[in-house]
PDB file of all heavy atoms in Angstrom:
ATOM      1  N   LEU A   1      75.392  17.651  86.199  1.00  0.00           N
ATOM      2  CA  LEU A   1      74.597  17.977  85.020  1.00  0.00           C
ATOM      3  C   LEU A   1      74.085  19.414  85.069  1.00  0.00           C
ATOM      4  O   LEU A   1      73.984  20.064  84.007  1.00  0.00           O
ATOM      5  CB  LEU A   1      73.431  16.992  84.870  1.00  0.00           C
ATOM      6  CG  LEU A   1      73.792  15.545  84.517  1.00  0.00           C
ATOM      7  CD1 LEU A   1      72.542  14.776  84.116  1.00  0.00           C
ATOM      8  CD2 LEU A   1      74.822  15.461  83.413  1.00  0.00           C
ATOM      9  N   THR A   2      73.755  19.891  86.245  1.00  0.00           N
ATOM     10  CA  THR A   2      73.338  21.300  86.363  1.00  0.00           C
ATOM     11  C   THR A   2      74.468  22.225  85.899  1.00  0.00           C
ATOM     12  O   THR A   2      74.241  23.186  85.127  1.00  0.00           O
ATOM     13  CB  THR A   2      72.955  21.618  87.801  1.00  0.00           C
ATOM     14  OG1 THR A   2      71.829  20.799  88.171  1.00  0.00           O
ATOM     15  CG2 THR A   2      72.570  23.081  87.957  1.00  0.00           C
ATOM     16  N   GLU A   3      75.678  21.955  86.330  1.00  0.00           N
ATOM     17  CA  GLU A   3      76.820  22.766  85.941  1.00  0.00           C
ATOM     18  C   GLU A   3      77.127  22.617  84.452  1.00  0.00           C
ATOM     19  O   GLU A   3      77.416  23.622  83.765  1.00  0.00           O
ATOM     20  CB  GLU A   3      78.049  22.407  86.764  1.00  0.00           C
ATOM     21  CG  GLU A   3      79.323  23.124  86.399  1.00  0.00           C
ATOM     22  CD  GLU A   3      79.310  24.629  86.659  1.00  0.00           C
ATOM     23  OE1 GLU A   3      78.275  25.152  87.124  1.00  0.00           O
ATOM     24  OE2 GLU A   3      80.327  25.284  86.389  1.00  0.00           O
ATOM     25  N   GLN A   4      77.042  21.415  83.934  1.00  0.00           N
ATOM     26  CA  GLN A   4      77.334  21.208  82.516  1.00  0.00           C
ATOM     27  C   GLN A   4      76.278  21.863  81.622  1.00  0.00           C
ATOM     28  O   GLN A   4      76.604  22.366  80.547  1.00  0.00           O
ATOM     29  CB  GLN A   4      77.484  19.714  82.229  1.00  0.00           C
ATOM     30  CG  GLN A   4      78.769  19.157  82.834  1.00  0.00           C
ATOM     31  CD  GLN A   4      78.871  17.639  82.733  1.00  0.00           C
ATOM     32  OE1 GLN A   4      79.107  17.109  81.671  1.00  0.00           O
ATOM     33  NE2 GLN A   4      78.671  16.964  83.845  1.00  0.00           N
ATOM     34  N   ALA A   5      75.031  21.877  82.076  1.00  0.00           N
ATOM     35  CA  ALA A   5      73.995  22.597  81.348  1.00  0.00           C
ATOM     36  C   ALA A   5      74.309  24.103  81.340  1.00  0.00           C
ATOM     37  O   ALA A   5      74.152  24.794  80.327  1.00  0.00           O
ATOM     38  CB  ALA A   5      72.624  22.348  81.965  1.00  0.00           C
ATOM     39  N   ARG A   6      74.788  24.616  82.463  1.00  0.00           N
ATOM     40  CA  ARG A   6      75.110  26.039  82.573  1.00  0.00           C
ATOM     41  C   ARG A   6      76.224  26.443  81.624  1.00  0.00           C
ATOM     42  O   ARG A   6      76.152  27.525  80.984  1.00  0.00           O
ATOM     43  CB  ARG A   6      75.482  26.377  84.012  1.00  0.00           C
ATOM     44  CG  ARG A   6      75.720  27.880  84.244  1.00  0.00           C
ATOM     45  CD  ARG A   6      76.257  28.156  85.636  1.00  0.00           C
ATOM     46  NE  ARG A   6      77.639  27.769  85.793  1.00  0.00           N
ATOM     47  CZ  ARG A   6      78.684  28.487  85.405  1.00  0.00           C
ATOM     48  NH1 ARG A   6      78.498  29.662  84.798  1.00  0.00           N
ATOM     49  NH2 ARG A   6      79.930  28.058  85.592  1.00  0.00           N
ATOM     50  N   ILE A   7      77.261  25.621  81.505  1.00  0.00           N
ATOM     51  CA  ILE A   7      78.412  25.999  80.695  1.00  0.00           C
ATOM     52  C   ILE A   7      78.319  25.482  79.262  1.00  0.00           C
ATOM     53  O   ILE A   7      79.214  25.733  78.445  1.00  0.00           O
ATOM     54  CB  ILE A   7      79.723  25.527  81.349  1.00  0.00           C
ATOM     55  CG1 ILE A   7      79.805  23.991  81.402  1.00  0.00           C
ATOM     56  CG2 ILE A   7      79.907  26.147  82.714  1.00  0.00           C
ATOM     57  CD1 ILE A   7      81.131  23.461  81.968  1.00  0.00           C
ATOM     58  N   GLY A   8      77.256  24.748  78.948  1.00  0.00           N
ATOM     59  CA  GLY A   8      77.055  24.245  77.590  1.00  0.00           C
ATOM     60  C   GLY A   8      77.934  23.083  77.230  1.00  0.00           C
ATOM     61  O   GLY A   8      78.332  22.933  76.068  1.00  0.00           O
ATOM     62  N   ALA A   9      78.223  22.215  78.196  1.00  0.00           N
ATOM     63  CA  ALA A   9      79.096  21.060  77.970  1.00  0.00           C
ATOM     64  C   ALA A   9      78.284  19.783  77.816  1.00  0.00           C
ATOM     65  O   ALA A   9      77.174  19.639  78.359  1.00  0.00           O
ATOM     66  CB  ALA A   9      80.080  20.916  79.130  1.00  0.00           C
ATOM     67  N   LEU A  10      78.852  18.847  77.098  1.00  0.00           N
ATOM     68  CA  LEU A  10      78.248  17.544  76.874  1.00  0.00           C
ATOM     69  C   LEU A  10      78.622  16.587  78.009  1.00  0.00           C
ATOM     70  O   LEU A  10      79.794  16.489  78.381  1.00  0.00           O
ATOM     71  CB  LEU A  10      78.735  16.971  75.543  1.00  0.00           C
ATOM     72  CG  LEU A  10      78.358  15.522  75.201  1.00  0.00           C
ATOM     73  CD1 LEU A  10      76.850  15.386  75.051  1.00  0.00           C
ATOM     74  CD2 LEU A  10      79.067  15.068  73.934  1.00  0.00           C
ATOM     75  N   ALA A  11      77.632  15.890  78.548  1.00  0.00           N
ATOM     76  CA  ALA A  11      77.858  14.856  79.555  1.00  0.00           C
ATOM     77  C   ALA A  11      77.818  13.488  78.890  1.00  0.00           C
ATOM     78  O   ALA A  11      76.843  13.160  78.226  1.00  0.00           O
ATOM     79  CB  ALA A  11      76.805  14.926  80.648  1.00  0.00           C
ATOM     80  N   ILE A  12      78.881  12.708  79.059  1.00  0.00           N
ATOM     81  CA  ILE A  12      78.913  11.361  78.497  1.00  0.00           C
ATOM     82  C   ILE A  12      78.943  10.385  79.690  1.00  0.00           C
ATOM     83  O   ILE A  12      79.719  10.545  80.622  1.00  0.00           O
ATOM     84  CB  ILE A  12      80.104  11.153  77.547  1.00  0.00           C
ATOM     85  CG1 ILE A  12      81.453  11.333  78.244  1.00  0.00           C
ATOM     86  CG2 ILE A  12      79.988  12.136  76.384  1.00  0.00           C
ATOM     87  CD1 ILE A  12      82.637  10.948  77.388  1.00  0.00           C
ATOM     88  N   ILE A  13      78.087   9.356  79.636  1.00  0.00           N
ATOM     89  CA  ILE A  13      77.763   8.606  80.851  1.00  0.00           C
ATOM     90  C   ILE A  13      77.917   7.102  80.621  1.00  0.00           C
ATOM     91  O   ILE A  13      77.355   6.532  79.689  1.00  0.00           O
ATOM     92  CB  ILE A  13      76.339   8.886  81.311  1.00  0.00           C
ATOM     93  CG1 ILE A  13      76.085  10.399  81.449  1.00  0.00           C
ATOM     94  CG2 ILE A  13      76.046   8.165  82.619  1.00  0.00           C
ATOM     95  CD1 ILE A  13      76.867  11.108  82.501  1.00  0.00           C
ATOM     96  N   HIS A  14      78.683   6.467  81.537  1.00  0.00           N
ATOM     97  CA  HIS A  14      78.669   5.008  81.669  1.00  0.00           C
ATOM     98  C   HIS A  14      77.469   4.677  82.541  1.00  0.00           C
ATOM     99  O   HIS A  14      77.466   4.954  83.749  1.00  0.00           O
ATOM    100  CB  HIS A  14      79.968   4.526  82.306  1.00  0.00           C
ATOM    101  CG  HIS A  14      80.034   3.037  82.478  1.00  0.00           C
ATOM    102  ND1 HIS A  14      81.050   2.263  81.946  1.00  0.00           N
ATOM    103  CD2 HIS A  14      79.239   2.155  83.135  1.00  0.00           C
ATOM    104  CE1 HIS A  14      80.864   1.004  82.258  1.00  0.00           C
ATOM    105  NE2 HIS A  14      79.773   0.912  82.993  1.00  0.00           N
ATOM    106  N   ALA A  15      76.448   4.082  81.927  1.00  0.00           N
ATOM    107  CA  ALA A  15      75.165   3.906  82.591  1.00  0.00           C
ATOM    108  C   ALA A  15      74.929   2.446  82.960  1.00  0.00           C
ATOM    109  O   ALA A  15      74.392   1.650  82.186  1.00  0.00           O
ATOM    110  CB  ALA A  15      74.039   4.405  81.699  1.00  0.00           C
ATOM    111  N   GLU A  16      75.344   2.095  84.182  1.00  0.00           N
ATOM    112  CA  GLU A  16      74.945   0.844  84.834  1.00  0.00           C
ATOM    113  C   GLU A  16      74.592   1.204  86.272  1.00  0.00           C
ATOM    114  O   GLU A  16      75.236   2.054  86.888  1.00  0.00           O
ATOM    115  CB  GLU A  16      76.061  -0.196  84.801  1.00  0.00           C
ATOM    116  CG  GLU A  16      76.326  -0.801  83.431  1.00  0.00           C
ATOM    117  CD  GLU A  16      77.393  -1.891  83.499  1.00  0.00           C
ATOM    118  OE1 GLU A  16      78.585  -1.523  83.682  1.00  0.00           O
ATOM    119  OE2 GLU A  16      77.066  -3.085  83.365  1.00  0.00           O
ATOM    120  N   ASP A  17      73.580   0.561  86.812  1.00  0.00           N
ATOM    121  CA  ASP A  17      73.108   0.887  88.151  1.00  0.00           C
ATOM    122  C   ASP A  17      73.788   0.024  89.217  1.00  0.00           C
ATOM    123  O   ASP A  17      73.731  -1.216  89.136  1.00  0.00           O
ATOM    124  CB  ASP A  17      71.596   0.689  88.228  1.00  0.00           C
ATOM    125  CG  ASP A  17      71.042   1.169  89.553  1.00  0.00           C
ATOM    126  OD1 ASP A  17      70.799   2.375  89.689  1.00  0.00           O
ATOM    127  OD2 ASP A  17      70.881   0.323  90.460  1.00  0.00           O
ATOM    128  N   PRO A  18      74.439   0.633  90.210  1.00  0.00           N
ATOM    129  CA  PRO A  18      75.186  -0.173  91.176  1.00  0.00           C
ATOM    130  C   PRO A  18      74.301  -1.059  92.041  1.00  0.00           C
ATOM    131  O   PRO A  18      74.714  -2.175  92.424  1.00  0.00           O
ATOM    132  CB  PRO A  18      75.919   0.878  92.027  1.00  0.00           C
ATOM    133  CG  PRO A  18      75.167   2.148  91.816  1.00  0.00           C
ATOM    134  CD  PRO A  18      74.600   2.074  90.431  1.00  0.00           C
ATOM    135  N   ALA A  19      73.077  -0.623  92.359  1.00  0.00           N
ATOM    136  CA  ALA A  19      72.196  -1.450  93.188  1.00  0.00           C
ATOM    137  C   ALA A  19      71.770  -2.711  92.435  1.00  0.00           C
ATOM    138  O   ALA A  19      71.710  -3.804  93.011  1.00  0.00           O
ATOM    139  CB  ALA A  19      70.980  -0.631  93.625  1.00  0.00           C
ATOM    140  N   VAL A  20      71.473  -2.561  91.139  1.00  0.00           N
ATOM    141  CA  VAL A  20      71.107  -3.745  90.334  1.00  0.00           C
ATOM    142  C   VAL A  20      72.282  -4.677  90.224  1.00  0.00           C
ATOM    143  O   VAL A  20      72.137  -5.925  90.356  1.00  0.00           O
ATOM    144  CB  VAL A  20      70.616  -3.303  88.949  1.00  0.00           C
ATOM    145  CG1 VAL A  20      70.378  -4.532  88.051  1.00  0.00           C
ATOM    146  CG2 VAL A  20      69.337  -2.479  89.058  1.00  0.00           C
ATOM    147  N   LEU A  21      73.477  -4.151  90.002  1.00  0.00           N
ATOM    148  CA  LEU A  21      74.667  -4.998  89.933  1.00  0.00           C
ATOM    149  C   LEU A  21      74.912  -5.720  91.240  1.00  0.00           C
ATOM    150  O   LEU A  21      75.265  -6.918  91.249  1.00  0.00           O
ATOM    151  CB  LEU A  21      75.894  -4.144  89.568  1.00  0.00           C
ATOM    152  CG  LEU A  21      75.876  -3.499  88.176  1.00  0.00           C
ATOM    153  CD1 LEU A  21      77.099  -2.627  87.997  1.00  0.00           C
ATOM    154  CD2 LEU A  21      75.795  -4.550  87.079  1.00  0.00           C
ATOM    155  N   GLU A  22      74.725  -5.038  92.352  1.00  0.00           N
ATOM    156  CA  GLU A  22      74.973  -5.667  93.659  1.00  0.00           C
ATOM    157  C   GLU A  22      73.985  -6.774  93.932  1.00  0.00           C
ATOM    158  O   GLU A  22      74.320  -7.790  94.550  1.00  0.00           O
ATOM    159  CB  GLU A  22      74.891  -4.606  94.746  1.00  0.00           C
ATOM    160  CG  GLU A  22      75.286  -5.108  96.127  1.00  0.00           C
ATOM    161  CD  GLU A  22      75.324  -4.010  97.167  1.00  0.00           C
ATOM    162  OE1 GLU A  22      75.362  -2.823  96.798  1.00  0.00           O
ATOM    163  OE2 GLU A  22      75.314  -4.340  98.366  1.00  0.00           O
ATOM    164  N   ALA A  23      72.754  -6.618  93.451  1.00  0.00           N
ATOM    165  CA  ALA A  23      71.722  -7.623  93.682  1.00  0.00           C
ATOM    166  C   ALA A  23      71.799  -8.800  92.725  1.00  0.00           C
ATOM    167  O   ALA A  23      71.220  -9.867  92.989  1.00  0.00           O
ATOM    168  CB  ALA A  23      70.342  -6.975  93.570  1.00  0.00           C
ATOM    169  N   ALA A  24      72.516  -8.643  91.622  1.00  0.00           N
ATOM    170  CA  ALA A  24      72.612  -9.706  90.619  1.00  0.00           C
ATOM    171  C   ALA A  24      73.469 -10.859  91.153  1.00  0.00           C
ATOM    172  O   ALA A  24      74.338 -10.654  92.002  1.00  0.00           O
ATOM    173  CB  ALA A  24      73.209  -9.174  89.331  1.00  0.00           C
ATOM    174  N   PRO A  25      73.250 -12.076  90.664  1.00  0.00           N
ATOM    175  CA  PRO A  25      74.074 -13.213  91.118  1.00  0.00           C
ATOM    176  C   PRO A  25      75.518 -13.029  90.749  1.00  0.00           C
ATOM    177  O   PRO A  25      75.841 -12.683  89.606  1.00  0.00           O
ATOM    178  CB  PRO A  25      73.440 -14.413  90.400  1.00  0.00           C
ATOM    179  CG  PRO A  25      72.721 -13.826  89.216  1.00  0.00           C
ATOM    180  CD  PRO A  25      72.258 -12.476  89.647  1.00  0.00           C
TER     181      PRO A  25
END
């Protein structure tokens, strides 16, 4: 994100947390 902010690029994110997924049944 620091680099993308520098070059003016858009970051698109698949947002799921691996720790929550690992702890889920």
